[in-house]
Amino acid sequence: MLVTRVEAEVGGVMLPYGPAALCAVEREIPVPGAMFGIDEDGVTTLRQLQLAVPLHTGTHTAIFAFSTEDVDQWDNYLQVMAEILRTVSADEPETEPHSTAAEPAAG
């Protein structure tokens, strides 16, 4: 696949878990019209956020990535990703999820 243009912003961010590296990339990607049953080829813009979180073990990295062609909603998607990344934890997950809803009565 041929990529016609790539722009990227890179940097670091501090998460509750610890430091992470981020890269926001925007690409213009040719789309063959034949994929959609039309004669003319087109171009689409794809934006992606990649976040590399070094794990506390020191030997591995977790990569989180989000991609969209809906670049008009990018800021909203970033807010969602930020909320997700705030939940990254070194703590082991609980074996049973909590429920704030009342248990149904036996009947």
Protein backbone atom coordinates (compact mmCIF):
# COMPACT_ATOMS: atom_id res chain seq x y z
CA MET A 1 0.00 0.00 0.00
CA LEU A 2 1.39 3.40 -0.96
CA VAL A 3 1.24 6.16 1.65
CA THR A 4 1.26 9.59 0.04
CA ARG A 5 1.80 11.84 3.09
CA VAL A 6 2.64 11.22 6.75
CA GLU A 7 2.70 13.73 9.60
CA ALA A 8 3.51 12.80 13.18
CA GLU A 9 3.74 14.41 16.60
CA VAL A 10 5.77 12.61 19.25
CA GLY A 11 6.31 13.26 22.93
CA GLY A 12 6.04 11.95 26.43
CA VAL A 13 3.20 11.90 28.91
CA MET A 14 2.92 10.99 32.58
CA LEU A 15 0.14 8.53 33.35
CA PRO A 16 -0.91 7.43 36.83
CA TYR A 17 0.99 4.19 35.98
CA GLY A 18 4.15 6.08 35.03
CA PRO A 19 5.81 7.69 31.99
CA ALA A 20 4.78 6.75 28.46
CA ALA A 21 5.80 7.72 24.94
CA LEU A 22 3.15 8.83 22.49
CA CYS A 23 2.97 9.30 18.76
CA ALA A 24 0.06 10.83 16.88
CA VAL A 25 0.24 10.08 13.16
CA GLU A 26 -1.83 11.33 10.27
CA ARG A 27 -1.65 9.62 6.89
CA GLU A 28 -3.31 10.22 3.57
CA ILE A 29 -3.92 6.80 2.09
CA PRO A 30 -4.97 6.10 -1.50
CA VAL A 31 -8.14 4.02 -1.75
CA PRO A 32 -8.69 2.12 -5.01
CA GLY A 33 -12.22 2.79 -6.29
CA ALA A 34 -12.48 -0.87 -7.24
CA MET A 35 -12.73 -1.69 -3.52
CA PHE A 36 -16.08 0.08 -3.52
CA GLY A 37 -17.22 -0.82 -7.02
CA ILE A 38 -16.55 2.63 -8.49
CA ASP A 39 -14.26 3.73 -11.28
CA GLU A 40 -12.43 6.59 -9.57
CA ASP A 41 -9.74 6.14 -6.95
CA GLY A 42 -9.85 8.30 -3.83
CA VAL A 43 -7.81 9.30 -0.81
CA THR A 44 -8.73 8.98 2.85
CA THR A 45 -7.12 10.56 5.89
CA LEU A 46 -6.35 8.22 8.78
CA ARG A 47 -5.30 9.47 12.22
CA GLN A 48 -3.76 7.19 14.81
CA LEU A 49 -2.65 7.60 18.41
CA GLN A 50 -0.03 5.15 19.63
CA LEU A 51 1.06 5.06 23.25
CA ALA A 52 3.97 2.93 24.48
CA VAL A 53 3.87 2.16 28.20
CA PRO A 54 7.03 0.53 29.60
CA LEU A 55 5.90 -2.18 32.00
CA HIS A 56 7.29 -2.13 35.53
CA THR A 57 8.98 -5.48 34.93
CA GLY A 58 11.43 -3.58 32.73
CA THR A 59 11.41 -6.16 29.96
CA HIS A 60 8.22 -5.44 28.02
CA THR A 61 6.13 -2.58 26.71
CA ALA A 62 2.37 -2.36 26.29
CA ILE A 63 1.25 -0.58 23.13
CA PHE A 64 -2.15 1.10 23.01
CA ALA A 65 -3.37 2.31 19.60
CA PHE A 66 -6.49 4.00 18.32
CA SER A 67 -7.16 4.79 14.63
CA THR A 68 -9.98 6.62 12.89
CA GLU A 69 -10.93 8.24 9.61
CA ASP A 70 -13.39 10.44 11.54
CA VAL A 71 -10.81 13.19 12.12
CA ASP A 72 -13.55 15.76 12.84
CA GLN A 73 -14.20 13.93 16.13
CA TRP A 74 -10.51 13.48 17.01
CA ASP A 75 -10.63 15.62 20.17
CA ASN A 76 -13.56 13.59 21.51
CA TYR A 77 -11.71 10.33 20.80
CA LEU A 78 -8.62 11.67 22.60
CA GLN A 79 -10.72 12.31 25.70
CA VAL A 80 -11.99 8.72 25.60
CA MET A 81 -8.45 7.36 25.17
CA ALA A 82 -7.19 9.54 28.05
CA GLU A 83 -9.88 8.09 30.34
CA ILE A 84 -8.95 4.55 29.30
CA LEU A 85 -5.23 5.17 29.84
CA ARG A 86 -5.88 6.58 33.32
CA THR A 87 -7.08 3.09 34.28
CA VAL A 88 -3.79 1.35 33.44
CA SER A 89 -2.51 -0.17 36.68
CA ALA A 90 0.22 -2.47 37.93
CA ASP A 91 -2.26 -4.00 40.38
CA GLU A 92 -3.61 -7.46 39.65
CA PRO A 93 -7.24 -7.40 38.55
CA GLU A 94 -9.85 -8.57 41.01
CA THR A 95 -11.07 -12.10 40.40
CA GLU A 96 -14.73 -11.09 40.52
CA PRO A 97 -16.02 -7.78 39.15
CA HIS A 98 -17.89 -5.53 41.57
CA SER A 99 -21.49 -4.74 40.98
CA THR A 100 -23.13 -1.62 42.29
CA ALA A 101 -26.55 -2.94 41.33
CA ALA A 102 -28.54 -4.80 43.94
CA GLU A 103 -28.60 -8.57 43.52
CA PRO A 104 -32.01 -9.88 42.44
CA ALA A 105 -33.98 -11.48 45.27
CA ALA A 106 -34.27 -15.23 45.17
CA GLY A 107 -37.78 -16.20 44.52
